[in-house]
Every structure is written in structure tokens, then in C-alpha cells.
Amino acid sequence: MIVHDWGLVPYEEARERMEAVHARAVADGRHHLIFCEHPPVFTVGSDAENDWPVPAVATDRGGSITCHAPGQAVAYFCFQAARPALFYRRVVRAYDAFFADAALPARYDLRRPGWYLENRRKIASLGFRYRRGVSLHGVALNVDVDLTFCNRVAPCALEGVRATSLRAEGVRLSMEAVRKSLLDKISASFREEAVPS
């Protein structure tokens, strides 16, 4: 598994770079994991049909509206996914393990893809697309984001649901610690050692 660390990068630029990594993954047959953060932006998946009260960037992933902001651990997966359901389960397993280690009772909801606390506070979103046997897009985990900005729109347009973060839930981990833990859990779930790009 080849790991790319991009730091803070505008969403539109990240999408272009992700497409290049996807092409590389198609060619080399390897898993490529991208870590990054984005400046404040709302993105809208292909399942969304609403008019939004905030400017939003259209994407080709699944799902509805998602907030990205600094302090969010974004992980894009350009992984070999000939069996998308198996790939998806392994991603969910990795994040479940992360939340278990953090002693945070976040639960994954398949009907409303993401992780929630008490079914009312959403702490992580995910959305994927698959092309040529390789996945695109990924998971956004709120570590220490501006929740006022994020809650300008209900996460994924879900009525009664608000965005939360690790910090807001009393889990004080640095972004570096979060990424290290996620990398360990993803490596274990996919049974593949991580190497830098």
C-alpha cells in the first residue's frame, strides 16, 4: 500500500491529483492511500438533488452534501477493488477499529453511510466510486473542525443530524496521531504494509 501525504490542498486540485493516482493504481495494480485536508468547502455527491443554501462543488462520488474543512482527516482510497463490497467492508472495519481504540462509541450506519454517535451526531462520512476495478474518493473524519461552518448544512441533508468531531466528543488527538492510527488500522484490515510514495 503506497501512502501519499498531501497536507492542505484545495478540493478541486485534490480531485485532479486523485485522478492521476487512480490512473497509476490501474497501471501498477497497487493500493494507493492519500491523506490530506481541504480549505473550507461543501461538496455534493451524485445522489444529491437538493438546492443548497451554501455554494457547493459537484463530485462524481456517491452520497449527498459533505463539508470539508481544516482539521478533518480526509483519506482517499485508490485501491484495487475488483470486489467492491469486500473493499467497502474492509474500509468500514478499519474505521470501526479506530473508533474502538479511541473509546468513542461511533457506529456505522449503512442506510446513511457514515459514523454516528447516538444516531444524531455525524463524525465521519464516506463515499466511493469504482472505475476500471479501482476505487475513488474515500472517508472524511472530523478531528477538530469548525463545527459552526460545517453545520451550516445538515450532514448529507439528514434532518435532525449535526456534525461533530473527535475534539467536541472529548477525544483529543493530534492530526498526526489520527493519521498514524488510521494507517495502522487500514494496513491491518487490508493485510498490507504501508510504504511512502
C-alpha atoms as a PDB file:
ATOM      1  CA  MET A   1       0.000   0.000   0.000  1.00  0.00           C
ATOM      2  CA  ILE A   2       1.540   3.259  -1.169  1.00  0.00           C
ATOM      3  CA  VAL A   3       0.803   6.269   1.040  1.00  0.00           C
ATOM      4  CA  HIS A   4       0.607   9.827  -0.286  1.00  0.00           C
ATOM      5  CA  ASP A   5       0.562  12.754   2.179  1.00  0.00           C
ATOM      6  CA  TRP A   6      -0.609  15.959   0.514  1.00  0.00           C
ATOM      7  CA  GLY A   7      -1.233  18.204   3.501  1.00  0.00           C
ATOM      8  CA  LEU A   8      -3.700  21.058   2.939  1.00  0.00           C
ATOM      9  CA  VAL A   9      -4.837  21.147  -0.694  1.00  0.00           C
ATOM     10  CA  PRO A  10      -7.855  22.777  -2.412  1.00  0.00           C
ATOM     11  CA  TYR A  11     -10.585  20.255  -3.175  1.00  0.00           C
ATOM     12  CA  GLU A  12     -10.594  20.766  -6.947  1.00  0.00           C
ATOM     13  CA  GLU A  13      -6.816  20.319  -7.112  1.00  0.00           C
ATOM     14  CA  ALA A  14      -7.049  17.190  -4.971  1.00  0.00           C
ATOM     15  CA  ARG A  15      -9.623  15.706  -7.349  1.00  0.00           C
ATOM     16  CA  GLU A  16      -7.271  16.200 -10.307  1.00  0.00           C
ATOM     17  CA  ARG A  17      -4.372  14.692  -8.392  1.00  0.00           C
ATOM     18  CA  MET A  18      -6.548  11.796  -7.222  1.00  0.00           C
ATOM     19  CA  GLU A  19      -7.401  11.021 -10.855  1.00  0.00           C
ATOM     20  CA  ALA A  20      -3.670  10.815 -11.598  1.00  0.00           C
ATOM     21  CA  VAL A  21      -3.127   8.470  -8.653  1.00  0.00           C
ATOM     22  CA  HIS A  22      -6.108   6.399  -9.811  1.00  0.00           C
ATOM     23  CA  ALA A  23      -4.502   6.025 -13.242  1.00  0.00           C
ATOM     24  CA  ARG A  24      -1.271   4.980 -11.552  1.00  0.00           C
ATOM     25  CA  ALA A  25      -3.160   2.393  -9.462  1.00  0.00           C
ATOM     26  CA  VAL A  26      -4.808   0.988 -12.595  1.00  0.00           C
ATOM     27  CA  ALA A  27      -1.359   0.657 -14.178  1.00  0.00           C
ATOM     28  CA  ASP A  28       0.632  -0.716 -11.228  1.00  0.00           C
ATOM     29  CA  GLY A  29      -2.042  -2.862  -9.542  1.00  0.00           C
ATOM     30  CA  ARG A  30      -1.199  -1.448  -6.102  1.00  0.00           C
ATOM     31  CA  HIS A  31      -3.304   0.118  -3.379  1.00  0.00           C
ATOM     32  CA  HIS A  32      -2.745   3.884  -3.056  1.00  0.00           C
ATOM     33  CA  LEU A  33      -3.910   5.736   0.080  1.00  0.00           C
ATOM     34  CA  ILE A  34      -3.996   9.549   0.090  1.00  0.00           C
ATOM     35  CA  PHE A  35      -4.135  11.656   3.260  1.00  0.00           C
ATOM     36  CA  CYS A  36      -4.999  15.344   3.019  1.00  0.00           C
ATOM     37  CA  GLU A  37      -7.081  18.241   4.347  1.00  0.00           C
ATOM     38  CA  HIS A  38      -9.085  20.803   2.404  1.00  0.00           C
ATOM     39  CA  PRO A  39      -9.806  24.501   2.859  1.00  0.00           C
ATOM     40  CA  PRO A  40     -13.490  25.081   3.766  1.00  0.00           C
ATOM     41  CA  VAL A  41     -15.788  23.736   1.038  1.00  0.00           C
ATOM     42  CA  PHE A  42     -19.057  21.842   0.619  1.00  0.00           C
ATOM     43  CA  THR A  43     -19.111  19.016  -1.923  1.00  0.00           C
ATOM     44  CA  VAL A  44     -22.164  17.320  -3.391  1.00  0.00           C
ATOM     45  CA  GLY A  45     -22.295  13.679  -4.448  1.00  0.00           C
ATOM     46  CA  SER A  46     -24.136  12.184  -7.386  1.00  0.00           C
ATOM     47  CA  ASP A  47     -27.074  11.139  -5.175  1.00  0.00           C
ATOM     48  CA  ALA A  48     -27.939  14.747  -4.233  1.00  0.00           C
ATOM     49  CA  GLU A  49     -30.936  16.500  -5.772  1.00  0.00           C
ATOM     50  CA  ASN A  50     -31.462  19.444  -3.411  1.00  0.00           C
ATOM     51  CA  ASP A  51     -30.822  23.127  -3.807  1.00  0.00           C
ATOM     52  CA  TRP A  52     -28.308  24.142  -1.147  1.00  0.00           C
ATOM     53  CA  PRO A  53     -28.118  27.333   0.917  1.00  0.00           C
ATOM     54  CA  VAL A  54     -24.320  27.302   0.532  1.00  0.00           C
ATOM     55  CA  PRO A  55     -22.044  27.153  -2.538  1.00  0.00           C
ATOM     56  CA  ALA A  56     -21.131  23.542  -3.269  1.00  0.00           C
ATOM     57  CA  VAL A  57     -18.777  21.737  -5.653  1.00  0.00           C
ATOM     58  CA  ALA A  58     -20.257  18.826  -7.624  1.00  0.00           C
ATOM     59  CA  THR A  59     -18.420  15.499  -7.494  1.00  0.00           C
ATOM     60  CA  ASP A  60     -18.874  12.054  -9.029  1.00  0.00           C
ATOM     61  CA  ARG A  61     -18.846  10.163  -5.728  1.00  0.00           C
ATOM     62  CA  GLY A  62     -21.959   8.716  -4.158  1.00  0.00           C
ATOM     63  CA  GLY A  63     -23.801  10.407  -1.319  1.00  0.00           C
ATOM     64  CA  SER A  64     -25.210  13.844  -0.669  1.00  0.00           C
ATOM     65  CA  ILE A  65     -23.643  17.049   0.677  1.00  0.00           C
ATOM     66  CA  THR A  66     -20.444  16.896   2.742  1.00  0.00           C
ATOM     67  CA  CYS A  67     -18.458  19.596   4.480  1.00  0.00           C
ATOM     68  CA  HIS A  68     -14.664  19.666   4.258  1.00  0.00           C
ATOM     69  CA  ALA A  69     -12.541  21.982   6.381  1.00  0.00           C
ATOM     70  CA  PRO A  70      -9.105  22.117   8.001  1.00  0.00           C
ATOM     71  CA  GLY A  71      -8.964  19.789  10.980  1.00  0.00           C
ATOM     72  CA  GLN A  72     -10.617  16.968   9.037  1.00  0.00           C
ATOM     73  CA  ALA A  73      -8.660  13.788   8.248  1.00  0.00           C
ATOM     74  CA  VAL A  74      -9.527  13.028   4.630  1.00  0.00           C
ATOM     75  CA  ALA A  75      -8.431   9.646   3.290  1.00  0.00           C
ATOM     76  CA  TYR A  76      -8.837   8.948  -0.423  1.00  0.00           C
ATOM     77  CA  PHE A  77      -8.619   5.312  -1.472  1.00  0.00           C
ATOM     78  CA  CYS A  78      -7.340   4.445  -4.944  1.00  0.00           C
ATOM     79  CA  PHE A  79      -7.423   0.751  -4.072  1.00  0.00           C
ATOM     80  CA  GLN A  80      -7.759  -2.382  -6.141  1.00  0.00           C
ATOM     81  CA  ALA A  81     -11.475  -3.137  -5.778  1.00  0.00           C
ATOM     82  CA  ALA A  82     -12.459  -5.952  -8.123  1.00  0.00           C
ATOM     83  CA  ARG A  83     -14.953  -6.884  -5.378  1.00  0.00           C
ATOM     84  CA  PRO A  84     -16.336  -3.522  -4.232  1.00  0.00           C
ATOM     85  CA  ALA A  85     -18.434  -4.981  -1.398  1.00  0.00           C
ATOM     86  CA  LEU A  86     -15.357  -6.638   0.136  1.00  0.00           C
ATOM     87  CA  PHE A  87     -13.292  -3.470  -0.275  1.00  0.00           C
ATOM     88  CA  TYR A  88     -16.069  -1.435   1.375  1.00  0.00           C
ATOM     89  CA  ARG A  89     -16.308  -3.829   4.337  1.00  0.00           C
ATOM     90  CA  ARG A  90     -12.567  -3.596   4.906  1.00  0.00           C
ATOM     91  CA  VAL A  91     -12.709   0.207   4.974  1.00  0.00           C
ATOM     92  CA  VAL A  92     -15.588   0.133   7.462  1.00  0.00           C
ATOM     93  CA  ARG A  93     -13.728  -2.412   9.604  1.00  0.00           C
ATOM     94  CA  ALA A  94     -10.651  -0.159   9.736  1.00  0.00           C
ATOM     95  CA  TYR A  95     -12.616   2.873  10.918  1.00  0.00           C
ATOM     96  CA  ASP A  96     -14.613   0.802  13.395  1.00  0.00           C
ATOM     97  CA  ALA A  97     -11.280  -0.302  14.874  1.00  0.00           C
ATOM     98  CA  PHE A  98     -10.086   3.316  15.024  1.00  0.00           C
ATOM     99  CA  PHE A  99     -13.159   4.402  16.991  1.00  0.00           C
ATOM    100  CA  ALA A 100     -12.844   1.407  19.297  1.00  0.00           C
ATOM    101  CA  ASP A 101      -9.237   2.355  20.087  1.00  0.00           C
ATOM    102  CA  ALA A 102     -10.345   5.941  20.756  1.00  0.00           C
ATOM    103  CA  ALA A 103     -13.031   4.606  23.144  1.00  0.00           C
ATOM    104  CA  LEU A 104     -15.642   6.514  21.174  1.00  0.00           C
ATOM    105  CA  PRO A 105     -18.990   4.741  20.625  1.00  0.00           C
ATOM    106  CA  ALA A 106     -19.372   5.784  16.981  1.00  0.00           C
ATOM    107  CA  ARG A 107     -21.482   3.382  14.965  1.00  0.00           C
ATOM    108  CA  TYR A 108     -21.511   2.867  11.208  1.00  0.00           C
ATOM    109  CA  ASP A 109     -24.920   3.202   9.530  1.00  0.00           C
ATOM    110  CA  LEU A 110     -25.211   1.507   6.135  1.00  0.00           C
ATOM    111  CA  ARG A 111     -28.522   3.231   5.342  1.00  0.00           C
ATOM    112  CA  ARG A 112     -27.000   6.673   5.945  1.00  0.00           C
ATOM    113  CA  PRO A 113     -23.354   5.955   5.091  1.00  0.00           C
ATOM    114  CA  GLY A 114     -21.129   7.284   7.832  1.00  0.00           C
ATOM    115  CA  TRP A 115     -20.366   7.021  11.548  1.00  0.00           C
ATOM    116  CA  TYR A 116     -22.703   8.468  14.151  1.00  0.00           C
ATOM    117  CA  LEU A 117     -22.977   8.962  17.894  1.00  0.00           C
ATOM    118  CA  GLU A 118     -26.443   8.309  19.279  1.00  0.00           C
ATOM    119  CA  ASN A 119     -27.701   8.438  15.651  1.00  0.00           C
ATOM    120  CA  ARG A 120     -27.737  12.249  15.895  1.00  0.00           C
ATOM    121  CA  ARG A 121     -24.142  13.412  15.624  1.00  0.00           C
ATOM    122  CA  LYS A 122     -22.183  12.515  12.498  1.00  0.00           C
ATOM    123  CA  ILE A 123     -18.427  12.319  12.927  1.00  0.00           C
ATOM    124  CA  ALA A 124     -17.312  10.754   9.637  1.00  0.00           C
ATOM    125  CA  SER A 125     -18.686  10.486   6.103  1.00  0.00           C
ATOM    126  CA  LEU A 126     -17.747   8.225   3.235  1.00  0.00           C
ATOM    127  CA  GLY A 127     -18.470   7.925  -0.441  1.00  0.00           C
ATOM    128  CA  PHE A 128     -16.859   5.924  -3.222  1.00  0.00           C
ATOM    129  CA  ARG A 129     -16.931   5.368  -6.934  1.00  0.00           C
ATOM    130  CA  TYR A 130     -15.337   2.469  -8.799  1.00  0.00           C
ATOM    131  CA  ARG A 131     -13.746   2.642 -12.217  1.00  0.00           C
ATOM    132  CA  ARG A 132     -11.613   0.078 -14.046  1.00  0.00           C
ATOM    133  CA  GLY A 133     -11.501  -2.060 -10.911  1.00  0.00           C
ATOM    134  CA  VAL A 134     -10.050   0.704  -8.725  1.00  0.00           C
ATOM    135  CA  SER A 135     -11.848   2.828  -6.127  1.00  0.00           C
ATOM    136  CA  LEU A 136     -12.005   6.617  -5.969  1.00  0.00           C
ATOM    137  CA  HIS A 137     -12.892   9.089  -3.174  1.00  0.00           C
ATOM    138  CA  GLY A 138     -12.985   7.996   0.449  1.00  0.00           C
ATOM    139  CA  VAL A 139     -13.638   8.926   4.078  1.00  0.00           C
ATOM    140  CA  ALA A 140     -13.692  12.300   5.857  1.00  0.00           C
ATOM    141  CA  LEU A 141     -13.235  12.131   9.643  1.00  0.00           C
ATOM    142  CA  ASN A 142     -13.794  15.264  11.724  1.00  0.00           C
ATOM    143  CA  VAL A 143     -10.856  15.633  14.106  1.00  0.00           C
ATOM    144  CA  ASP A 144     -11.005  19.297  15.143  1.00  0.00           C
ATOM    145  CA  VAL A 145     -13.029  21.236  12.554  1.00  0.00           C
ATOM    146  CA  ASP A 146     -15.013  24.464  12.696  1.00  0.00           C
ATOM    147  CA  LEU A 147     -18.392  22.950  13.502  1.00  0.00           C
ATOM    148  CA  THR A 148     -20.164  26.271  13.040  1.00  0.00           C
ATOM    149  CA  PHE A 149     -19.107  26.218   9.401  1.00  0.00           C
ATOM    150  CA  CYS A 150     -19.816  22.508   8.952  1.00  0.00           C
ATOM    151  CA  ASN A 151     -23.299  22.794  10.444  1.00  0.00           C
ATOM    152  CA  ARG A 152     -24.456  25.439   8.001  1.00  0.00           C
ATOM    153  CA  VAL A 153     -25.989  22.426   6.253  1.00  0.00           C
ATOM    154  CA  ALA A 154     -27.114  19.177   7.902  1.00  0.00           C
ATOM    155  CA  PRO A 155     -24.614  16.415   7.061  1.00  0.00           C
ATOM    156  CA  CYS A 156     -25.851  14.547   3.981  1.00  0.00           C
ATOM    157  CA  ALA A 157     -29.075  16.594   4.294  1.00  0.00           C
ATOM    158  CA  LEU A 158     -30.200  14.356   7.170  1.00  0.00           C
ATOM    159  CA  GLU A 159     -32.883  16.006   9.258  1.00  0.00           C
ATOM    160  CA  GLY A 160     -32.030  16.171  12.958  1.00  0.00           C
ATOM    161  CA  VAL A 161     -28.363  15.256  12.408  1.00  0.00           C
ATOM    162  CA  ARG A 162     -25.475  17.600  13.248  1.00  0.00           C
ATOM    163  CA  ALA A 163     -21.772  17.346  12.555  1.00  0.00           C
ATOM    164  CA  THR A 164     -19.470  16.637  15.466  1.00  0.00           C
ATOM    165  CA  SER A 165     -15.732  15.993  15.863  1.00  0.00           C
ATOM    166  CA  LEU A 166     -13.315  13.993  17.962  1.00  0.00           C
ATOM    167  CA  ARG A 167     -12.461  17.124  19.942  1.00  0.00           C
ATOM    168  CA  ALA A 168     -16.117  18.015  20.536  1.00  0.00           C
ATOM    169  CA  GLU A 169     -16.653  14.486  21.854  1.00  0.00           C
ATOM    170  CA  GLY A 170     -13.749  14.782  24.279  1.00  0.00           C
ATOM    171  CA  VAL A 171     -11.166  12.837  22.226  1.00  0.00           C
ATOM    172  CA  ARG A 172      -8.049  14.987  21.993  1.00  0.00           C
ATOM    173  CA  LEU A 173      -5.777  13.509  19.357  1.00  0.00           C
ATOM    174  CA  SER A 174      -3.473  15.400  17.046  1.00  0.00           C
ATOM    175  CA  MET A 175      -3.954  15.052  13.308  1.00  0.00           C
ATOM    176  CA  GLU A 176      -0.639  13.202  13.174  1.00  0.00           C
ATOM    177  CA  ALA A 177      -1.828  10.707  15.793  1.00  0.00           C
ATOM    178  CA  VAL A 178      -5.147  10.217  13.978  1.00  0.00           C
ATOM    179  CA  ARG A 179      -3.453   9.553  10.657  1.00  0.00           C
ATOM    180  CA  LYS A 180      -0.962   7.128  12.228  1.00  0.00           C
ATOM    181  CA  SER A 181      -3.778   5.198  13.885  1.00  0.00           C
ATOM    182  CA  LEU A 182      -5.865   5.154  10.700  1.00  0.00           C
ATOM    183  CA  LEU A 183      -2.881   3.959   8.697  1.00  0.00           C
ATOM    184  CA  ASP A 184      -2.288   1.128  11.171  1.00  0.00           C
ATOM    185  CA  LYS A 185      -5.956   0.101  11.068  1.00  0.00           C
ATOM    186  CA  ILE A 186      -6.206   0.292   7.261  1.00  0.00           C
ATOM    187  CA  SER A 187      -2.979  -1.702   6.874  1.00  0.00           C
ATOM    188  CA  ALA A 188      -4.324  -4.363   9.236  1.00  0.00           C
ATOM    189  CA  SER A 189      -7.733  -4.517   7.553  1.00  0.00           C
ATOM    190  CA  PHE A 190      -6.235  -4.925   4.083  1.00  0.00           C
ATOM    191  CA  ARG A 191      -3.296  -7.016   5.356  1.00  0.00           C
ATOM    192  CA  GLU A 192      -0.795  -4.897   3.521  1.00  0.00           C
ATOM    193  CA  GLU A 193       2.240  -2.987   4.732  1.00  0.00           C
ATOM    194  CA  ALA A 194       2.289   0.757   4.106  1.00  0.00           C
ATOM    195  CA  VAL A 195       5.175   2.408   2.248  1.00  0.00           C
ATOM    196  CA  PRO A 196       5.610   6.122   1.459  1.00  0.00           C
ATOM    197  CA  SER A 197       5.146   7.317  -2.124  1.00  0.00           C
END
